[in-house]
């Protein structure tokens, strides 16, 4: 997990100062963003992109905050997150870069040339026959989807054993200074983040691994116009797309008793259509010990909680991650994973963890992990310096 340097912390005060000095923003837009930010669930410890903290000369100070995002600053944001995450990953796993067979990079809104995967091949001097993939345009679900993609590649070839997956987003070029309110929201909730992981089908590495991928599921509702046009989950107030995804996932993961009760309730609701009887919502806490829920925003977490009838304890990781790191897009559920790891002794060998994320288009992705060993507190866990402050009593 990438943890930016301290001088990149983007508190409410710094955010407001930058916005107020931005000559392109009108007063109504500033007032709107201020109200959104104060209700967003973000704390003062999130991290912003480099351009916010640079003056016209490229120095890291706040003397001039009229600086606008550029391709150069977007590349800087990407390089910092990607290189830091991979360096820490290779250092901890002791994986030889020459043993990497596949590189998968996902970044929704930034697709430079040379590509980000080429940047990695060049930086780490990877083999000339390494296979590289760049995923884009899939929004916050792309982190989960890239893991699913890596798993499918590994299952499809005996020659391919190690896949490097890099999950990032560049918010620099997505900064918006117009007057469209739906676009102004992104300025308020998106923050810097990146994650990197090694996935392997090599049985010799099994005992060294943290988790085993048990199930993965991708659903794509792009054929429906309303889903295709939806950018974030808040626009789907009824949670219809989530329910469709859950219907497919549930039989794969739920205990037989839960499935039986659900089927029975569906039959009763069909036989008695005029009654007020509604099908039961399966209890997913019977299938998973831990859940990493899409942290797209406060409204998203609350909506998922309502649809799946989840308690505050179950959604704690999502809420605290939003507060501490903001919406880091594709990497957000992996910061939740780190939150669980930072709570000593909470995740045990054999525990199952569910990750679910939503993306543009409209895509929903789920990963089901089984822990191979008890979780440990890594020295570079991004929560190390603050986990003692969480969970917050007021969110």
Protein backbone atom coordinates (compact mmCIF):
# COMPACT_ATOMS: atom_id res chain seq x y z
CA UNK A 1 0.00 0.00 0.00
CA UNK A 2 1.22 3.48 -0.86
CA UNK A 3 1.35 6.02 1.92
CA UNK A 4 2.26 9.49 0.61
CA UNK A 5 4.71 11.71 2.53
CA UNK A 6 3.44 13.89 5.37
CA UNK A 7 3.71 17.12 3.36
CA UNK A 8 0.98 15.79 1.03
CA UNK A 9 -1.68 15.64 3.73
CA UNK A 10 -4.76 17.38 2.38
CA UNK A 11 -6.74 18.72 5.33
CA UNK A 12 -9.97 20.68 4.99
CA UNK A 13 -7.99 23.88 5.60
CA UNK A 14 -5.53 23.14 2.79
CA UNK A 15 -8.32 22.09 0.43
CA UNK A 16 -10.31 25.25 1.10
CA UNK A 17 -7.23 27.44 0.72
CA UNK A 18 -6.42 25.94 -2.67
CA UNK A 19 -10.01 26.30 -3.88
CA UNK A 20 -10.32 29.91 -2.72
CA UNK A 21 -7.17 30.85 -4.64
CA UNK A 22 -8.28 29.11 -7.80
CA UNK A 23 -9.23 31.89 -10.21
CA UNK A 24 -11.31 29.53 -12.38
CA UNK A 25 -13.90 28.69 -9.70
CA UNK A 26 -16.98 30.84 -9.16
CA UNK A 27 -18.41 31.50 -5.69
CA UNK A 28 -21.42 29.19 -6.14
CA UNK A 29 -19.14 26.30 -7.04
CA UNK A 30 -16.94 26.97 -4.03
CA UNK A 31 -19.93 27.02 -1.67
CA UNK A 32 -21.23 23.78 -3.18
CA UNK A 33 -17.89 22.00 -2.75
CA UNK A 34 -17.57 23.27 0.81
CA UNK A 35 -20.95 21.73 1.71
CA UNK A 36 -20.11 18.44 -0.01
CA UNK A 37 -16.73 18.19 1.70
CA UNK A 38 -18.15 18.81 5.17
CA UNK A 39 -20.69 15.99 4.67
CA UNK A 40 -18.33 13.60 2.88
CA UNK A 41 -17.00 11.64 5.84
CA UNK A 42 -13.39 12.57 4.97
CA UNK A 43 -11.05 13.51 7.81
CA UNK A 44 -8.00 15.77 7.84
CA UNK A 45 -5.47 12.98 7.24
CA UNK A 46 -6.14 12.22 3.55
CA UNK A 47 -3.54 12.88 0.84
CA UNK A 48 -3.73 15.16 -2.19
CA UNK A 49 -1.87 15.06 -5.53
CA UNK A 50 1.46 16.93 -5.95
CA UNK A 51 0.11 19.86 -7.99
CA UNK A 52 -1.97 21.16 -5.08
CA UNK A 53 1.18 21.74 -3.05
CA UNK A 54 3.43 23.23 -5.72
CA UNK A 55 3.95 26.84 -6.71
CA UNK A 56 4.57 28.03 -10.26
CA UNK A 57 8.23 27.02 -9.99
CA UNK A 58 7.40 23.45 -8.99
CA UNK A 59 8.56 23.89 -5.40
CA UNK A 60 6.70 22.23 -2.55
CA UNK A 61 5.27 25.21 -0.74
CA UNK A 62 1.91 26.89 -0.54
CA UNK A 63 2.83 30.41 -1.60
CA UNK A 64 0.87 30.17 -4.82
CA UNK A 65 -2.06 27.80 -5.15
CA UNK A 66 -3.20 28.91 -8.60
CA UNK A 67 -1.10 26.15 -10.13
CA UNK A 68 -3.15 24.02 -12.51
CA UNK A 69 -2.80 20.26 -13.06
CA UNK A 70 -0.53 19.26 -15.95
CA UNK A 71 0.60 16.07 -17.64
CA UNK A 72 3.92 16.43 -15.83
CA UNK A 73 2.24 16.54 -12.42
CA UNK A 74 -0.03 13.61 -13.35
CA UNK A 75 3.03 11.54 -14.25
CA UNK A 76 4.64 12.53 -10.97
CA UNK A 77 1.58 11.38 -9.01
CA UNK A 78 1.54 8.04 -10.85
CA UNK A 79 5.27 7.41 -10.49
CA UNK A 80 5.31 8.17 -6.77
CA UNK A 81 2.48 5.78 -5.96
CA UNK A 82 3.45 2.99 -8.34
CA UNK A 83 7.17 2.92 -7.54
CA UNK A 84 6.69 3.21 -3.79
CA UNK A 85 4.15 0.36 -3.73
CA UNK A 86 6.23 -1.96 -5.90
CA UNK A 87 9.46 -1.22 -4.01
CA UNK A 88 7.81 -2.14 -0.70
CA UNK A 89 6.18 -5.23 -2.23
CA UNK A 90 9.41 -6.61 -3.69
CA UNK A 91 11.26 -5.82 -0.48
CA UNK A 92 8.79 -7.76 1.66
CA UNK A 93 8.18 -10.74 -0.62
CA UNK A 94 11.80 -11.05 -1.85
CA UNK A 95 10.36 -11.86 -5.28
CA UNK A 96 12.97 -11.53 -8.02
CA UNK A 97 11.66 -9.10 -10.68
CA UNK A 98 13.01 -11.51 -13.30
CA UNK A 99 10.47 -14.10 -12.11
CA UNK A 100 7.50 -11.85 -12.94
CA UNK A 101 5.65 -13.24 -15.95
CA UNK A 102 2.72 -10.81 -16.16
CA UNK A 103 2.21 -7.14 -15.29
CA UNK A 104 -1.34 -5.82 -14.93
CA UNK A 105 -1.83 -2.13 -14.25
CA UNK A 106 -5.21 -0.52 -13.71
CA UNK A 107 -5.70 3.24 -13.75
CA UNK A 108 -9.13 4.52 -14.66
CA UNK A 109 -8.53 8.07 -15.82
CA UNK A 110 -4.88 8.30 -16.83
CA UNK A 111 -3.46 6.42 -19.81
CA UNK A 112 -0.11 7.95 -20.83
CA UNK A 113 2.25 6.85 -23.59
CA UNK A 114 4.55 5.04 -22.94
CA UNK A 115 2.04 3.15 -20.81
CA UNK A 116 2.25 2.70 -17.04
CA UNK A 117 3.08 -0.99 -17.52
CA UNK A 118 5.99 0.01 -19.81
CA UNK A 119 7.13 2.41 -17.10
CA UNK A 120 7.28 -0.54 -14.68
CA UNK A 121 9.09 -2.83 -17.16
CA UNK A 122 11.71 -0.13 -17.71
CA UNK A 123 12.14 0.77 -14.05
CA UNK A 124 12.54 -2.81 -12.79
CA UNK A 125 14.30 -4.20 -15.87
CA UNK A 126 11.74 -6.97 -16.38
CA UNK A 127 12.20 -9.78 -18.92
CA UNK A 128 11.63 -9.04 -22.59
CA UNK A 129 8.97 -11.76 -22.80
CA UNK A 130 6.91 -10.38 -19.89
CA UNK A 131 3.23 -9.96 -20.78
CA UNK A 132 1.78 -6.53 -19.93
CA UNK A 133 -1.79 -5.27 -19.69
CA UNK A 134 -3.17 -1.79 -19.05
CA UNK A 135 -6.77 -1.50 -17.83
CA UNK A 136 -8.59 1.84 -17.95
CA UNK A 137 -12.00 3.45 -17.80
CA UNK A 138 -13.48 1.06 -15.22
CA UNK A 139 -13.57 3.36 -12.21
CA UNK A 140 -13.46 2.24 -8.60
CA UNK A 141 -14.19 -1.42 -9.39
CA UNK A 142 -11.04 -1.86 -11.46
CA UNK A 143 -8.87 -2.93 -8.52
CA UNK A 144 -11.10 -5.90 -7.80
CA UNK A 145 -11.50 -6.63 -11.52
CA UNK A 146 -7.72 -6.60 -12.10
CA UNK A 147 -7.28 -9.26 -9.41
CA UNK A 148 -9.96 -11.34 -11.11
CA UNK A 149 -8.18 -10.86 -14.45
CA UNK A 150 -4.82 -11.90 -12.98
CA UNK A 151 -6.40 -15.03 -11.52
CA UNK A 152 -7.86 -15.99 -14.89
CA UNK A 153 -4.49 -15.50 -16.61
CA UNK A 154 -2.75 -17.64 -13.99
CA UNK A 155 -5.35 -20.39 -14.27
CA UNK A 156 -5.05 -20.45 -18.04
CA UNK A 157 -1.33 -21.19 -18.34
CA UNK A 158 1.16 -23.41 -16.57
CA UNK A 159 4.06 -21.36 -17.92
CA UNK A 160 2.77 -18.19 -16.24
CA UNK A 161 3.34 -18.33 -12.47
CA UNK A 162 3.77 -14.83 -11.07
CA UNK A 163 1.60 -11.80 -11.83
CA UNK A 164 2.34 -8.29 -10.59
CA UNK A 165 -0.88 -6.33 -10.16
CA UNK A 166 -0.67 -2.57 -9.66
CA UNK A 167 -3.83 -0.71 -8.69
CA UNK A 168 -3.78 3.06 -8.88
CA UNK A 169 -5.61 6.18 -10.01
CA UNK A 170 -4.40 9.60 -11.08
CA UNK A 171 -6.70 12.32 -9.81
CA UNK A 172 -4.50 15.14 -11.12
CA UNK A 173 -6.03 15.41 -14.58
CA UNK A 174 -9.51 14.77 -13.21
CA UNK A 175 -9.49 18.03 -11.28
CA UNK A 176 -12.48 20.07 -12.41
CA UNK A 177 -12.93 23.85 -12.15
CA UNK A 178 -16.17 24.36 -14.05
CA UNK A 179 -19.71 24.77 -12.75
CA UNK A 180 -21.24 21.32 -13.30
CA UNK A 181 -22.08 20.17 -9.79
CA UNK A 182 -21.89 16.44 -10.46
CA UNK A 183 -18.33 16.93 -11.68
CA UNK A 184 -17.37 19.21 -8.79
CA UNK A 185 -18.11 16.37 -6.36
CA UNK A 186 -14.99 14.50 -7.52
CA UNK A 187 -12.81 17.37 -6.29
CA UNK A 188 -14.16 16.83 -2.79
CA UNK A 189 -13.91 13.08 -2.23
CA UNK A 190 -11.13 11.62 -4.40
CA UNK A 191 -7.66 11.30 -2.89
CA UNK A 192 -4.28 9.75 -3.67
CA UNK A 193 -3.70 6.01 -3.20
CA UNK A 194 -2.06 2.97 -4.78
CA UNK A 195 -1.67 -0.75 -4.10
CA UNK A 196 0.53 -3.51 -5.50
CA UNK A 197 0.32 -7.29 -5.10
CA UNK A 198 1.94 -10.47 -6.33
CA UNK A 199 -0.45 -13.27 -7.30
CA UNK A 200 0.95 -16.70 -7.99
CA UNK A 201 -0.13 -20.23 -8.93
CA UNK A 202 3.25 -21.64 -7.84
CA UNK A 203 2.55 -24.24 -5.13
CA UNK A 204 5.98 -23.59 -3.61
CA UNK A 205 4.83 -20.09 -2.64
CA UNK A 206 1.55 -21.17 -1.03
CA UNK A 207 2.81 -21.22 2.56
CA UNK A 208 4.35 -17.77 2.14
CA UNK A 209 1.13 -16.23 0.84
CA UNK A 210 -1.28 -14.19 2.93
CA UNK A 211 -4.50 -15.28 1.27
CA UNK A 212 -5.95 -17.64 -1.28
CA UNK A 213 -8.50 -16.37 -3.82
CA UNK A 214 -11.53 -18.65 -3.39
CA UNK A 215 -14.15 -16.95 -5.59
CA UNK A 216 -14.33 -13.97 -7.92
CA UNK A 217 -17.35 -12.52 -9.68
CA UNK A 218 -17.77 -9.75 -12.23
CA UNK A 219 -21.12 -8.42 -13.42
CA UNK A 220 -21.53 -5.75 -16.08
CA UNK A 221 -24.84 -3.91 -16.51
CA UNK A 222 -23.72 -1.69 -19.38
CA UNK A 223 -26.51 -2.96 -21.63
CA UNK A 224 -28.93 -0.95 -19.51
CA UNK A 225 -28.79 2.76 -20.41
CA UNK A 226 -29.30 3.99 -16.85
CA UNK A 227 -26.43 1.80 -15.65
CA UNK A 228 -24.20 2.79 -18.54
CA UNK A 229 -24.61 6.47 -17.69
CA UNK A 230 -24.09 6.04 -13.95
CA UNK A 231 -20.65 7.16 -12.79
CA UNK A 232 -20.94 6.28 -9.11
CA UNK A 233 -23.25 4.17 -6.97
CA UNK A 234 -25.02 7.14 -5.37
CA UNK A 235 -26.97 7.60 -8.61
CA UNK A 236 -28.58 4.17 -8.22
CA UNK A 237 -30.78 5.03 -5.24
CA UNK A 238 -32.65 1.70 -5.22
CA UNK A 239 -29.52 -0.45 -5.25
CA UNK A 240 -30.91 -2.55 -8.11
CA UNK A 241 -27.53 -3.37 -9.70
CA UNK A 242 -26.11 -4.43 -6.36
CA UNK A 243 -29.03 -6.81 -5.80
CA UNK A 244 -28.50 -8.43 -9.20
CA UNK A 245 -24.84 -9.02 -8.37
CA UNK A 246 -25.73 -10.43 -4.95
CA UNK A 247 -28.21 -12.91 -6.48
CA UNK A 248 -25.37 -14.43 -8.51
CA UNK A 249 -22.81 -14.41 -5.71
CA UNK A 250 -25.04 -15.68 -2.89
CA UNK A 251 -25.39 -19.34 -3.99
CA UNK A 252 -21.60 -19.59 -4.28
CA UNK A 253 -20.75 -18.44 -0.78
CA UNK A 254 -23.71 -18.66 1.61
CA UNK A 255 -24.39 -21.61 3.94
CA UNK A 256 -27.13 -23.98 2.79
CA UNK A 257 -29.53 -22.81 5.53
CA UNK A 258 -29.34 -19.22 4.31
CA UNK A 259 -29.91 -20.25 0.70
CA UNK A 260 -32.88 -22.44 1.66
CA UNK A 261 -34.51 -19.68 3.71
CA UNK A 262 -33.99 -17.18 0.91
CA UNK A 263 -35.54 -19.47 -1.71
CA UNK A 264 -38.50 -20.14 0.58
CA UNK A 265 -39.08 -16.42 1.10
CA UNK A 266 -38.94 -15.84 -2.66
CA UNK A 267 -41.58 -18.53 -3.24
CA UNK A 268 -43.88 -17.08 -0.60
CA UNK A 269 -43.55 -13.57 -2.02
CA UNK A 270 -44.43 -14.92 -5.49
CA UNK A 271 -47.45 -16.88 -4.27
CA UNK A 272 -48.73 -13.91 -2.29
CA UNK A 273 -47.97 -10.96 -4.60
CA UNK A 274 -50.59 -8.73 -3.00
CA UNK A 275 -49.23 -9.19 0.49
CA UNK A 276 -46.68 -7.01 2.18
CA UNK A 277 -44.34 -9.97 2.54
CA UNK A 278 -40.87 -9.25 1.14
CA UNK A 279 -38.10 -11.75 0.36
CA UNK A 280 -35.52 -11.98 3.13
CA UNK A 281 -32.09 -10.44 2.77
CA UNK A 282 -29.48 -13.19 3.28
CA UNK A 283 -27.16 -12.71 6.23
CA UNK A 284 -23.73 -12.46 4.61
CA UNK A 285 -22.02 -12.37 7.99
CA UNK A 286 -22.68 -16.13 8.09
CA UNK A 287 -20.37 -16.53 5.08
CA UNK A 288 -17.63 -14.01 5.89
CA UNK A 289 -15.75 -12.97 9.01
CA UNK A 290 -14.63 -9.68 7.41
CA UNK A 291 -15.97 -7.38 4.66
CA UNK A 292 -14.22 -4.71 2.62
CA UNK A 293 -17.10 -2.65 1.21
CA UNK A 294 -16.77 -0.09 -1.56
CA UNK A 295 -15.71 3.18 0.05
CA UNK A 296 -16.93 5.47 -2.71
CA UNK A 297 -18.51 7.94 -0.31
CA UNK A 298 -20.62 8.23 2.80
CA UNK A 299 -23.87 7.75 0.87
CA UNK A 300 -22.47 4.65 -0.85
CA UNK A 301 -21.53 2.96 2.43
CA UNK A 302 -24.90 3.78 3.95
CA UNK A 303 -26.77 2.47 0.89
CA UNK A 304 -24.87 -0.83 0.85
CA UNK A 305 -25.49 -1.13 4.57
CA UNK A 306 -29.25 -0.68 4.03
CA UNK A 307 -29.47 -3.10 1.09
CA UNK A 308 -27.52 -5.87 2.85
CA UNK A 309 -28.72 -4.98 6.37
CA UNK A 310 -25.21 -4.67 7.75
CA UNK A 311 -24.40 -3.46 11.24
CA UNK A 312 -22.11 -0.53 12.08
CA UNK A 313 -19.48 -3.02 13.22
CA UNK A 314 -19.41 -4.69 9.80
CA UNK A 315 -19.09 -1.37 7.92
CA UNK A 316 -16.51 0.03 10.34
CA UNK A 317 -13.53 -0.63 8.06
CA UNK A 318 -15.20 1.15 5.13
CA UNK A 319 -16.13 4.21 7.20
CA UNK A 320 -12.73 4.55 8.82
CA UNK A 321 -10.92 4.11 5.50
CA UNK A 322 -13.00 6.87 3.93
CA UNK A 323 -12.16 9.13 6.88
CA UNK A 324 -8.42 8.39 6.84
CA UNK A 325 -7.60 8.06 3.13
CA UNK A 326 -10.68 9.35 1.28
CA UNK A 327 -11.91 7.75 -1.93
CA UNK A 328 -8.73 6.39 -3.52
CA UNK A 329 -10.83 4.81 -6.29
CA UNK A 330 -9.56 1.42 -7.48
CA UNK A 331 -7.32 0.82 -4.45
CA UNK A 332 -9.86 1.72 -1.75
CA UNK A 333 -10.85 -1.82 -0.67
CA UNK A 334 -7.18 -2.69 -0.24
CA UNK A 335 -6.77 0.13 2.30
CA UNK A 336 -9.64 -1.55 4.13
CA UNK A 337 -7.71 -4.82 4.00
CA UNK A 338 -4.77 -3.00 5.61
CA UNK A 339 -7.14 -1.69 8.31
CA UNK A 340 -8.05 -5.25 9.29
CA UNK A 341 -4.38 -6.24 9.31
CA UNK A 342 -3.50 -3.29 11.54
CA UNK A 343 -5.91 -4.57 14.22
CA UNK A 344 -3.67 -7.15 15.86
CA UNK A 345 -5.12 -10.62 16.08
CA UNK A 346 -8.44 -9.77 14.42
CA UNK A 347 -7.90 -11.80 11.23
CA UNK A 348 -7.21 -15.50 11.79
CA UNK A 349 -6.08 -18.39 9.62
CA UNK A 350 -9.11 -19.81 7.80
CA UNK A 351 -11.14 -16.58 7.98
CA UNK A 352 -12.97 -15.54 4.83
CA UNK A 353 -13.02 -11.95 3.59
CA UNK A 354 -15.33 -10.40 1.01
CA UNK A 355 -14.28 -7.45 -1.13
CA UNK A 356 -16.93 -5.70 -3.21
CA UNK A 357 -16.47 -2.62 -5.40
CA UNK A 358 -18.54 -0.69 -7.95
CA UNK A 359 -17.35 1.01 -11.12
CA UNK A 360 -18.46 3.04 -14.09
CA UNK A 361 -20.35 1.41 -16.82
CA UNK A 362 -21.97 -0.10 -14.52
CA UNK A 363 -19.69 -2.79 -13.09
CA UNK A 364 -19.73 -4.69 -9.81
CA UNK A 365 -16.83 -6.91 -8.74
CA UNK A 366 -16.45 -9.31 -5.81
CA UNK A 367 -13.45 -11.19 -4.44
CA UNK A 368 -13.66 -13.86 -1.76
CA UNK A 369 -10.39 -14.52 0.06
CA UNK A 370 -9.43 -17.23 2.53
CA UNK A 371 -6.61 -16.40 4.91
CA UNK A 372 -3.80 -18.93 4.80
CA UNK A 373 -2.23 -17.65 8.00
CA UNK A 374 -3.01 -15.23 10.82
CA UNK A 375 -2.64 -11.63 9.72
CA UNK A 376 0.44 -9.77 10.91
CA UNK A 377 1.17 -6.09 11.29
CA UNK A 378 3.62 -5.20 8.54
CA UNK A 379 6.17 -2.51 9.27
CA UNK A 380 4.90 -0.50 6.28
CA UNK A 381 1.17 -0.83 6.98
CA UNK A 382 -0.31 2.63 6.15
CA UNK A 383 -2.36 2.54 9.40
CA UNK A 384 0.62 2.01 11.70
CA UNK A 385 0.89 5.59 12.94
CA UNK A 386 -2.83 6.10 13.58
CA UNK A 387 -4.66 2.80 14.19
CA UNK A 388 -4.76 3.59 17.91
CA UNK A 389 -7.14 6.47 17.07
CA UNK A 390 -9.67 4.20 15.37
CA UNK A 391 -12.52 3.47 15.22
CA UNK A 392 -13.76 7.01 15.61
CA UNK A 393 -16.78 7.43 17.86
CA UNK A 394 -18.38 9.98 15.55
CA UNK A 395 -18.41 9.57 11.79
